[in-house]
Each structure stands twice: as structure tokens, then as C-alpha cells.
Amino acid sequence: MGGELERRVARLEFAEGAYVRLRVPLPADDADAGREVLTDIDVLSIDIDSRLRISRSSMECKSGKGQSGEPNTIVWLAGFRQLLELDRVTLVRQSVSPRGQSLARKLGIVVMDEATVSRREKAHAWLPERFAHLDGPACSAAEARTDTQLKGMPGIPAALARFLRGGSLLADSPALLRGVQAFGSAVEQQGVLPDPAASVLAGHSLIAVLLAALQDAGRLDEVPERLLRRRLQSALTVGDPDDSYVLPMLERADAFIRHVQDRTHKAYVAAGAEPIRIDYPSLRDAVATPPAYLNDYLDLVERLRANPQIARELLQVAELACFDALLGDSAWKAKSFTHLFTTEHKGLLLVGLRCLSRIAGPQVASALKGLQDLPFEASSGLVPDRGEPAGQEALFQPDGSNGAT
């Protein structure tokens, strides 16, 4: 019952423009073996506004009728919001007592009863009931099969896989880029991944790249591209975007090594030895050399900022394309998703795929090559009756033509 309520709430969030994931595991820092997961986020919702500013919300769904644990849950959610630095936290219950409503107001927690959920659902009857990570059958089967396959792939660290499949949704752009780059390196060592693990992990990696780029695109109004580049370079090399100590210290180390080398060289020459010059690598350059993909990534960032109305929907597009269409499901063809499959969406999505290839390598990106063949030919102005239940009519016909009218 609780899982069904989670899916219904997540479906509403997706219908209203948010990127949504169900049951996102929250890793525990410095945990003992077997206790790596602190708890699950029932529904994690990521909203992106028209200026590409991102806000994150969680929805805790309780299907029980009793009110005995209601105050404890509300107080716990207040701490949960602070721990994860969430912008909004909502408690969804079958019913909410006046005592619970009063406590929630004091703590800034939103409460919603099931009757409210049902009323909102009437405005979104047009949306498929299940798709992609909202308990879509093909996605659920692929993720479950990936769990099994990962047990036989020691080259893919379990913590890295967990990060890409859930924890990345709470991470900032440098951590996302480092995670995707680490996954690419792990795949090179592991070798060719079997399906569906290759497609599933590549899909999560693409969403991580897009989420990172959207976060940085939303900063361009206040952080010039030149400064963003410098901060990213510092974060991806020394681990701190604002570091002002490591690189100067390495420069002094380089200068000291040159001094010792010159002094030793002069001593040998003074003793009658032939002069020999030996070049040595710079410590600063070895650490501070920016990743080769940085230019491609910043190109993606600027493209997203130049087209925010399309860019803000790109996570939803990638979700439907990677975890519904490419996995063999058909919910993505529903008329309710027409507005997400235009040529502009495809253009930005393929730029993101190219960036993924640069960061993680062509072997990772090749698992998503089917994105190029998906029909993105819809008209962005088509909006069906939102009160009409989703039918079986496909957005695109088998011959690739637009089936929407």
C-alpha cells in the first residue's frame, strides 16, 4: 500500500514538471559493512525553473491510518530536511490530524492527505500510470537484473554504482563529474558490461552529466564562464573550487626541486663532469592539468543556458528515453509526453550524450546509441485533454511519423 501511494505522489510531481525518483537510498557516511544505507527517500523531486535554478524536495508517504506516530514523523522530517539541505519536505498520509497540521506549520513541513492526492490526480488522468522509474515494468526488471549482474562485476565498485543510481541526485556538479569519470575508468578495467547493466548504468551516468550541467548553467547569471571554468578546474583537480593553498604550495615545491637540481648540477660541473640536463615533471602541472572533457562540458552548460525552456525538461526527457524507450517499454509514446520529444530536446540530449562519451569514454556512451534513432518529431504546441485518461494511442507510429493529432 505504501509503495502504491509513493508511486501516485511521484506521478503527480512528474506531471507538474519535476524530475522524480522513487525510493532513493541515502548513503550513511563512515558506516560499518552492511549498514551503508541510512534510509530511503520515498519520493525525491527535482524542480528546475525557467532560469535553471534547481530546488529539491522529498515526500514521505505513510499509508497507515493511525495517528500515534504522526508527531514523531513530522519532527524527524524537520531534521531530515536540514540533513539533506532540502528546499521542501512533505508528509503524505491517509489523513492528517489537527495536531499534526499545527506541528507541521511550526516546523515548516508541508502535509497532504490522500484526499488531496486524489483530487490532484483528476487533473492528470492523461498521464500513464507507470513509466520509467515510476514502477515501469521494463525499468523495474532491468534495474533488478542489474543488481544481480553487478555482483559478478568486481571492477565496478558497489559504492560507485549506488552513487550513480541514487546518491548522485543530491550531489553538486564536481562530484557528479568525478563519479561519471570514475565509472568510465572502472568500465575500462572491467571490460564490456552485459545488458541491461550497460544501458542502466549509462542512463544513470547521462542523467548525472545533465544534472551537473543544469546546476552550472543556473549559475551562469552570477558566475561568469571564465570563473566557472576556474572553479570547476580547481574542484576537479585539487578537490576544492575555492582552494588557494595547494597549487601555490606545489609551485614552491617545483621551485625548490629546481634549486636543488641546479645546485647539484653546478657542483658536478665544478668537479669536471660533463653538463647533463634532465627534465623533471612539474608537480603543479601533474595536479592542475584540467580534464580533457572540460571544454565539451562547458559547451553543454552554455547550450543549456541559451535554451532554458527546453533545458529545464531535459531530465524528464532523458528519464523517458533511457529508462522507458531504450528498455523496450511504450509509455513514452503516450500523448501526454508529446511536448518532451521535439527536435530541440533531441539536439540537447545528443549534446549531453557526446559529453558523456568524452567524460566516461565511448564504451559507456555506446550503450545509449539508440537515442539517436528515437523519433523526436513532435509539435511542442499539442496539449490533449488533461482530464481524459491516457489511452493506447502512440505518439509516434512504427514508421516514425507523428501519430498525434
Protein backbone atom coordinates (compact mmCIF):
# COMPACT_ATOMS: atom_id res chain seq x y z
CA MET A 1 0.00 0.00 0.00
CA GLY A 2 2.82 2.41 0.91
CA GLY A 3 4.61 1.73 -2.38
CA GLU A 4 1.44 2.48 -4.33
CA LEU A 5 0.98 5.82 -2.56
CA GLU A 6 4.61 6.71 -3.32
CA ARG A 7 4.07 5.99 -7.00
CA ARG A 8 0.90 8.10 -7.12
CA VAL A 9 2.62 11.07 -5.47
CA ALA A 10 5.65 10.74 -7.75
CA ARG A 11 3.39 10.61 -10.80
CA LEU A 12 1.77 13.89 -9.75
CA GLU A 13 5.16 15.54 -9.35
CA PHE A 14 6.28 14.35 -12.79
CA ALA A 15 3.01 15.56 -14.35
CA GLU A 16 3.67 19.02 -12.94
CA GLY A 17 7.15 19.24 -14.43
CA ALA A 18 9.52 17.78 -11.84
CA TYR A 19 12.13 15.10 -12.34
CA VAL A 20 11.16 12.38 -9.87
CA ARG A 21 12.68 9.22 -8.47
CA LEU A 22 11.17 6.69 -6.09
CA ARG A 23 12.81 5.12 -3.05
CA VAL A 24 16.20 6.78 -3.36
CA PRO A 25 18.66 5.23 -0.88
CA LEU A 26 20.50 7.71 1.32
CA PRO A 27 24.06 6.50 2.00
CA ALA A 28 25.45 6.61 5.51
CA ASP A 29 28.90 8.18 5.91
CA ASP A 30 31.59 6.12 7.66
CA ALA A 31 29.18 3.20 8.07
CA ASP A 32 30.10 -0.35 9.06
CA ALA A 33 29.85 -3.08 6.45
CA GLY A 34 26.22 -3.92 5.75
CA ARG A 35 25.00 -0.58 7.05
CA GLU A 36 25.86 1.60 4.06
CA VAL A 37 22.28 2.88 3.64
CA LEU A 38 20.93 5.26 6.28
CA THR A 39 17.35 5.37 4.99
CA ASP A 40 15.33 5.77 1.79
CA ILE A 41 13.75 8.90 0.39
CA ASP A 42 10.25 7.80 -0.58
CA VAL A 43 9.91 10.38 -3.36
CA LEU A 44 12.70 12.73 -4.41
CA SER A 45 11.54 15.59 -6.63
CA ILE A 46 13.85 17.96 -8.53
CA ASP A 47 12.27 21.17 -9.85
CA ILE A 48 14.02 23.38 -12.40
CA ASP A 49 12.64 26.84 -13.08
CA SER A 50 12.87 28.94 -16.25
CA ARG A 51 16.26 30.32 -15.16
CA LEU A 52 17.58 26.80 -14.47
CA ARG A 53 17.59 27.27 -10.72
CA ILE A 54 17.21 23.88 -9.04
CA SER A 55 15.24 23.01 -5.91
CA ARG A 56 14.95 19.60 -4.30
CA SER A 57 12.01 18.22 -2.34
CA SER A 58 11.20 14.96 -0.62
CA MET A 59 7.83 13.37 0.06
CA GLU A 60 7.43 10.93 2.93
CA CYS A 61 4.43 8.69 2.25
CA LYS A 62 2.65 6.89 5.10
CA SER A 63 -0.33 4.72 4.23
CA GLY A 64 -1.36 3.76 7.79
CA LYS A 65 -4.48 5.18 9.41
CA GLY A 66 -3.17 5.55 12.97
CA GLN A 67 -2.05 8.93 14.33
CA SER A 68 0.22 7.72 17.13
CA GLY A 69 3.48 8.16 15.21
CA GLU A 70 2.47 11.33 13.38
CA PRO A 71 4.28 13.90 15.63
CA ASN A 72 7.48 11.84 15.65
CA THR A 73 7.44 11.62 11.86
CA ILE A 74 6.98 15.37 11.48
CA VAL A 75 9.82 16.16 13.88
CA TRP A 76 12.03 13.59 12.11
CA LEU A 77 11.27 15.22 8.75
CA ALA A 78 12.42 18.60 10.07
CA GLY A 79 15.82 17.10 10.84
CA PHE A 80 15.80 15.19 7.56
CA ARG A 81 15.33 18.45 5.64
CA GLN A 82 18.26 20.03 7.45
CA LEU A 83 20.49 16.99 6.94
CA LEU A 84 19.98 16.92 3.17
CA GLU A 85 19.57 20.69 2.75
CA LEU A 86 16.24 20.17 1.02
CA ASP A 87 14.13 23.10 -0.08
CA ARG A 88 10.82 21.43 0.77
CA VAL A 89 9.66 18.37 2.70
CA THR A 90 6.14 16.95 2.52
CA LEU A 91 4.37 14.35 4.64
CA VAL A 92 1.64 12.44 2.80
CA ARG A 93 -0.80 10.45 4.93
CA GLN A 94 -4.24 8.97 4.55
CA SER A 95 -5.39 11.68 6.91
CA VAL A 96 -3.64 14.38 8.93
CA SER A 97 -4.83 15.32 12.41
CA PRO A 98 -5.23 18.96 13.53
CA ARG A 99 -2.39 18.34 16.00
CA GLY A 100 -0.18 17.17 13.16
CA GLN A 101 -1.11 20.13 10.97
CA SER A 102 -0.28 22.58 13.75
CA LEU A 103 3.11 20.98 14.45
CA ALA A 104 3.93 20.83 10.73
CA ARG A 105 3.20 24.55 10.32
CA LYS A 106 5.56 25.41 13.16
CA LEU A 107 8.36 23.33 11.63
CA GLY A 108 7.76 24.37 8.03
CA ILE A 109 6.68 20.88 6.91
CA VAL A 110 4.01 20.52 4.22
CA VAL A 111 1.30 17.96 4.97
CA MET A 112 -1.03 16.42 2.44
CA ASP A 113 -3.79 13.87 2.92
CA GLU A 114 -4.80 11.18 0.44
CA ALA A 115 -7.98 13.04 -0.47
CA THR A 116 -5.85 15.92 -1.76
CA VAL A 117 -3.77 13.47 -3.78
CA SER A 118 -6.93 12.04 -5.33
CA ARG A 119 -8.23 15.50 -6.27
CA ARG A 120 -4.95 16.42 -7.93
CA GLU A 121 -4.89 13.13 -9.82
CA LYS A 122 -8.10 14.06 -11.63
CA ALA A 123 -6.22 16.86 -13.39
CA HIS A 124 -3.60 14.42 -14.63
CA ALA A 125 -5.62 11.43 -15.76
CA TRP A 126 -3.94 11.79 -19.14
CA LEU A 127 -0.58 10.56 -17.79
CA PRO A 128 0.31 6.83 -17.92
CA GLU A 129 0.05 5.14 -14.53
CA ARG A 130 3.54 3.57 -14.66
CA PHE A 131 6.61 4.52 -16.65
CA ALA A 132 10.40 4.50 -16.36
CA HIS A 133 11.46 4.64 -12.68
CA LEU A 134 7.87 5.22 -11.60
CA ASP A 135 7.48 1.43 -11.43
CA GLY A 136 7.57 0.98 -15.20
CA PRO A 137 7.71 -2.79 -15.79
CA ALA A 138 10.71 -2.80 -18.15
CA CYS A 139 12.70 -0.38 -15.98
CA SER A 140 11.97 -2.31 -12.79
CA ALA A 141 13.04 -5.57 -14.42
CA ALA A 142 16.22 -4.01 -15.84
CA GLU A 143 17.23 -2.45 -12.52
CA ALA A 144 16.63 -5.75 -10.70
CA ARG A 145 18.68 -7.64 -13.28
CA THR A 146 21.44 -5.04 -12.96
CA ASP A 147 21.57 -5.69 -9.21
CA THR A 148 22.31 -9.34 -9.96
CA GLN A 149 24.84 -8.62 -12.70
CA LEU A 150 26.81 -6.15 -10.56
CA LYS A 151 27.56 -8.94 -8.07
CA GLY A 152 29.62 -10.60 -10.79
CA MET A 153 31.49 -7.43 -11.81
CA PRO A 154 34.11 -6.70 -9.13
CA GLY A 155 35.63 -3.99 -11.32
CA ILE A 156 32.58 -1.76 -10.74
CA PRO A 157 32.75 -0.56 -7.10
CA ALA A 158 29.45 -1.06 -5.29
CA ALA A 159 29.62 2.43 -3.75
CA LEU A 160 30.11 3.99 -7.19
CA ALA A 161 27.12 2.11 -8.62
CA ARG A 162 24.96 3.22 -5.68
CA PHE A 163 26.06 6.80 -6.20
CA LEU A 164 25.17 6.83 -9.90
CA ARG A 165 21.82 5.13 -9.31
CA GLY A 166 20.63 7.36 -6.47
CA GLY A 167 23.06 9.45 -4.45
CA SER A 168 24.05 11.49 -7.49
CA LEU A 169 20.67 13.21 -7.43
CA LEU A 170 21.74 15.04 -4.26
CA ALA A 171 25.28 15.88 -5.42
CA ASP A 172 26.84 19.05 -6.79
CA SER A 173 28.37 19.23 -10.26
CA PRO A 174 32.04 18.43 -9.42
CA ALA A 175 31.02 15.27 -7.52
CA LEU A 176 28.77 14.25 -10.40
CA LEU A 177 31.53 14.70 -12.97
CA ARG A 178 34.06 12.84 -10.83
CA GLY A 179 31.58 9.99 -10.36
CA VAL A 180 30.91 9.63 -14.09
CA GLN A 181 34.62 9.82 -14.87
CA ALA A 182 35.34 7.14 -12.25
CA PHE A 183 32.66 4.95 -13.78
CA GLY A 184 34.29 5.28 -17.19
CA SER A 185 37.64 4.23 -15.72
CA ALA A 186 36.01 1.28 -13.95
CA VAL A 187 34.38 0.12 -17.20
CA GLU A 188 37.74 0.24 -18.98
CA GLN A 189 39.17 -2.09 -16.34
CA GLN A 190 36.12 -4.34 -16.11
CA GLY A 191 35.61 -4.71 -19.87
CA VAL A 192 32.35 -4.84 -21.80
CA LEU A 193 29.33 -4.75 -19.48
CA PRO A 194 26.42 -7.10 -20.12
CA ASP A 195 22.92 -5.88 -20.85
CA PRO A 196 20.90 -4.50 -19.22
CA ALA A 197 23.58 -3.29 -16.75
CA ALA A 198 25.39 -1.40 -19.53
CA SER A 199 22.25 0.50 -20.54
CA VAL A 200 21.05 1.11 -16.99
CA LEU A 201 24.35 2.46 -15.66
CA ALA A 202 24.94 4.50 -18.81
CA GLY A 203 21.47 6.00 -18.45
CA HIS A 204 22.17 7.00 -14.86
CA SER A 205 25.51 8.45 -15.96
CA LEU A 206 23.85 10.55 -18.66
CA ILE A 207 21.35 11.93 -16.15
CA ALA A 208 24.25 12.73 -13.80
CA VAL A 209 26.01 14.70 -16.56
CA LEU A 210 22.82 16.57 -17.43
CA LEU A 211 22.09 17.36 -13.79
CA ALA A 212 25.63 18.68 -13.29
CA ALA A 213 25.38 20.84 -16.41
CA LEU A 214 21.97 22.19 -15.40
CA GLN A 215 23.30 23.19 -11.99
CA ASP A 216 26.23 25.04 -13.55
CA ALA A 217 24.02 26.57 -16.26
CA GLY A 218 21.83 28.01 -13.50
CA ARG A 219 24.92 29.72 -12.04
CA LEU A 220 25.97 31.50 -15.23
CA ASP A 221 23.86 34.56 -14.43
CA GLU A 222 26.01 35.33 -11.39
CA VAL A 223 29.21 33.42 -12.17
CA PRO A 224 30.90 34.27 -15.50
CA GLU A 225 32.02 31.36 -17.68
CA ARG A 226 35.68 32.21 -17.03
CA LEU A 227 35.21 31.96 -13.25
CA LEU A 228 33.06 28.85 -13.57
CA ARG A 229 35.82 27.21 -15.61
CA ARG A 230 38.43 28.09 -13.00
CA ARG A 231 36.29 26.82 -10.12
CA LEU A 232 35.49 23.57 -11.92
CA GLN A 233 39.14 23.07 -12.81
CA SER A 234 40.12 23.54 -9.19
CA ALA A 235 37.33 21.26 -7.91
CA LEU A 236 38.22 18.51 -10.39
CA THR A 237 41.96 18.64 -9.68
CA VAL A 238 42.62 19.57 -6.06
CA GLY A 239 39.09 18.85 -4.85
CA ASP A 240 38.13 22.35 -3.73
CA PRO A 241 36.69 25.01 -6.08
CA ASP A 242 37.94 27.78 -3.79
CA ASP A 243 41.36 26.34 -2.97
CA SER A 244 44.17 28.89 -2.76
CA TYR A 245 46.82 26.85 -0.95
CA VAL A 246 47.56 23.55 -2.74
CA LEU A 247 48.67 24.93 -6.10
CA PRO A 248 50.89 27.71 -4.64
CA MET A 249 52.49 25.09 -2.35
CA LEU A 250 53.16 22.83 -5.36
CA GLU A 251 54.70 25.80 -7.20
CA ARG A 252 57.07 26.30 -4.27
CA ALA A 253 57.87 22.58 -4.32
CA ASP A 254 58.70 22.84 -8.03
CA ALA A 255 60.93 25.84 -7.35
CA PHE A 256 62.72 24.00 -4.54
CA ILE A 257 63.35 20.96 -6.75
CA ARG A 258 64.74 23.23 -9.49
CA HIS A 259 67.01 24.89 -6.92
CA VAL A 260 68.35 21.55 -5.65
CA GLN A 261 68.83 20.30 -9.21
CA ASP A 262 70.70 23.43 -10.29
CA ARG A 263 72.94 23.37 -7.22
CA THR A 264 73.75 19.69 -7.71
CA HIS A 265 74.35 20.21 -11.42
CA LYS A 266 76.74 23.08 -10.79
CA ALA A 267 78.65 21.02 -8.23
CA TYR A 268 79.18 18.19 -10.72
CA VAL A 269 80.30 20.65 -13.44
CA ALA A 270 82.69 22.31 -11.00
CA ALA A 271 84.21 18.89 -10.31
CA GLY A 272 84.88 18.39 -14.03
CA ALA A 273 81.81 16.38 -15.10
CA GLU A 274 80.10 16.95 -18.40
CA PRO A 275 76.92 19.07 -18.09
CA ILE A 276 73.74 17.00 -18.39
CA ARG A 277 70.29 18.48 -18.26
CA ILE A 278 67.43 16.22 -17.10
CA ASP A 279 63.88 17.45 -17.36
CA TYR A 280 61.62 16.52 -14.49
CA PRO A 281 57.80 16.68 -14.40
CA SER A 282 56.17 19.61 -12.68
CA LEU A 283 54.20 18.69 -9.57
CA ARG A 284 51.84 21.59 -10.16
CA ASP A 285 51.17 20.65 -13.76
CA ALA A 286 50.63 17.00 -12.81
CA VAL A 287 47.89 18.02 -10.38
CA ALA A 288 46.41 21.10 -12.01
CA THR A 289 46.05 19.89 -15.60
CA PRO A 290 42.32 20.25 -16.36
CA PRO A 291 40.40 17.19 -17.57
CA ALA A 292 40.29 16.85 -21.35
CA TYR A 293 36.48 16.95 -21.35
CA LEU A 294 36.15 20.36 -19.69
CA ASN A 295 35.63 22.31 -22.93
CA ASP A 296 32.90 19.90 -24.09
CA TYR A 297 31.21 20.09 -20.71
CA LEU A 298 31.20 23.89 -20.66
CA ASP A 299 29.83 23.87 -24.20
CA LEU A 300 26.91 21.78 -22.91
CA VAL A 301 26.44 24.18 -19.98
CA GLU A 302 26.24 27.20 -22.28
CA ARG A 303 23.86 25.46 -24.68
CA LEU A 304 21.51 24.64 -21.81
CA ARG A 305 21.57 28.22 -20.52
CA ALA A 306 20.85 29.53 -24.02
CA ASN A 307 17.63 27.47 -24.24
CA PRO A 308 16.24 27.23 -20.69
CA GLN A 309 12.65 26.37 -21.64
CA ILE A 310 13.84 23.17 -23.29
CA ALA A 311 16.76 22.54 -20.92
CA ARG A 312 14.54 22.54 -17.81
CA GLU A 313 12.68 19.49 -19.24
CA LEU A 314 15.79 17.57 -20.24
CA LEU A 315 15.96 15.34 -17.15
CA GLN A 316 12.41 14.16 -17.83
CA VAL A 317 13.33 13.55 -21.48
CA ALA A 318 16.40 11.51 -20.53
CA GLU A 319 14.37 9.53 -17.99
CA LEU A 320 11.73 8.53 -20.54
CA ALA A 321 14.24 7.92 -23.33
CA CYS A 322 16.77 5.89 -21.33
CA PHE A 323 14.53 4.05 -18.89
CA ASP A 324 11.38 3.53 -20.91
CA ALA A 325 12.06 3.74 -24.65
CA LEU A 326 15.51 2.10 -24.79
CA LEU A 327 14.45 -0.63 -22.38
CA GLY A 328 11.57 -1.66 -24.63
CA ASP A 329 8.57 -0.10 -22.87
CA SER A 330 5.98 2.04 -24.64
CA ALA A 331 4.71 4.55 -22.05
CA TRP A 332 7.00 7.22 -23.55
CA LYS A 333 4.79 7.18 -26.66
CA ALA A 334 1.76 8.49 -24.76
CA LYS A 335 0.34 11.79 -26.00
CA SER A 336 0.91 13.29 -22.57
CA PHE A 337 4.66 13.20 -23.26
CA THR A 338 4.44 14.81 -26.71
CA HIS A 339 5.93 18.09 -25.53
CA LEU A 340 9.12 16.30 -24.41
CA PHE A 341 10.00 14.81 -27.80
CA THR A 342 10.75 17.76 -30.07
CA THR A 343 13.83 18.20 -32.24
CA GLU A 344 15.15 20.78 -29.78
CA HIS A 345 15.02 18.24 -26.96
CA LYS A 346 16.82 15.70 -29.11
CA GLY A 347 19.54 18.19 -30.04
CA LEU A 348 20.37 18.98 -26.42
CA LEU A 349 20.08 15.33 -25.37
CA LEU A 350 22.60 14.27 -28.03
CA VAL A 351 24.99 17.04 -26.95
CA GLY A 352 24.71 15.55 -23.45
CA LEU A 353 25.42 12.08 -24.88
CA ARG A 354 28.50 13.42 -26.64
CA CYS A 355 29.67 14.96 -23.38
CA LEU A 356 29.12 11.63 -21.60
CA SER A 357 31.32 9.97 -24.21
CA ARG A 358 34.09 12.49 -23.54
CA ILE A 359 33.87 12.06 -19.76
CA ALA A 360 33.29 8.32 -19.37
CA GLY A 361 34.52 7.05 -22.73
CA PRO A 362 32.83 5.78 -25.89
CA GLN A 363 32.23 2.34 -24.43
CA VAL A 364 29.86 3.77 -21.82
CA ALA A 365 28.09 6.08 -24.26
CA SER A 366 27.68 3.32 -26.88
CA ALA A 367 25.08 1.65 -24.65
CA LEU A 368 22.82 4.65 -25.36
CA LYS A 369 23.42 4.91 -29.11
CA GLY A 370 19.74 4.05 -29.64
CA LEU A 371 18.88 7.61 -28.54
CA GLN A 372 19.89 8.81 -31.99
CA ASP A 373 17.20 6.65 -33.60
CA LEU A 374 14.30 7.64 -31.34
CA PRO A 375 11.73 9.80 -33.17
CA PHE A 376 11.78 13.33 -31.76
CA GLU A 377 9.36 14.82 -34.26
CA ALA A 378 6.50 16.10 -32.14
CA SER A 379 4.96 19.55 -32.13
CA SER A 380 5.55 21.38 -28.87
CA GLY A 381 2.12 23.04 -29.01
CA LEU A 382 -0.01 19.88 -28.75
CA VAL A 383 -1.82 19.56 -25.40
CA PRO A 384 -4.56 16.91 -25.01
CA ASP A 385 -7.44 16.99 -22.54
CA ARG A 386 -5.74 16.59 -19.15
CA GLY A 387 -8.90 15.12 -17.67
CA GLU A 388 -9.05 12.35 -20.25
CA PRO A 389 -7.46 9.04 -19.19
CA ALA A 390 -4.35 8.04 -21.11
CA GLY A 391 -5.27 5.79 -24.00
CA GLN A 392 -3.31 3.37 -26.10
CA GLU A 393 -2.67 5.83 -28.96
CA ALA A 394 1.02 6.17 -29.65
CA LEU A 395 2.75 9.47 -30.14
CA PHE A 396 4.84 8.00 -32.95
CA GLN A 397 3.75 5.39 -35.45
CA PRO A 398 6.03 2.43 -36.26
CA ASP A 399 7.09 4.15 -39.49
CA GLY A 400 8.44 7.06 -37.46
CA SER A 401 5.65 9.51 -38.33
CA ASN A 402 3.90 11.66 -35.76
CA GLY A 403 0.73 9.89 -34.66
CA ALA A 404 -0.56 12.74 -32.52
CA THR A 405 -3.41 14.83 -33.87
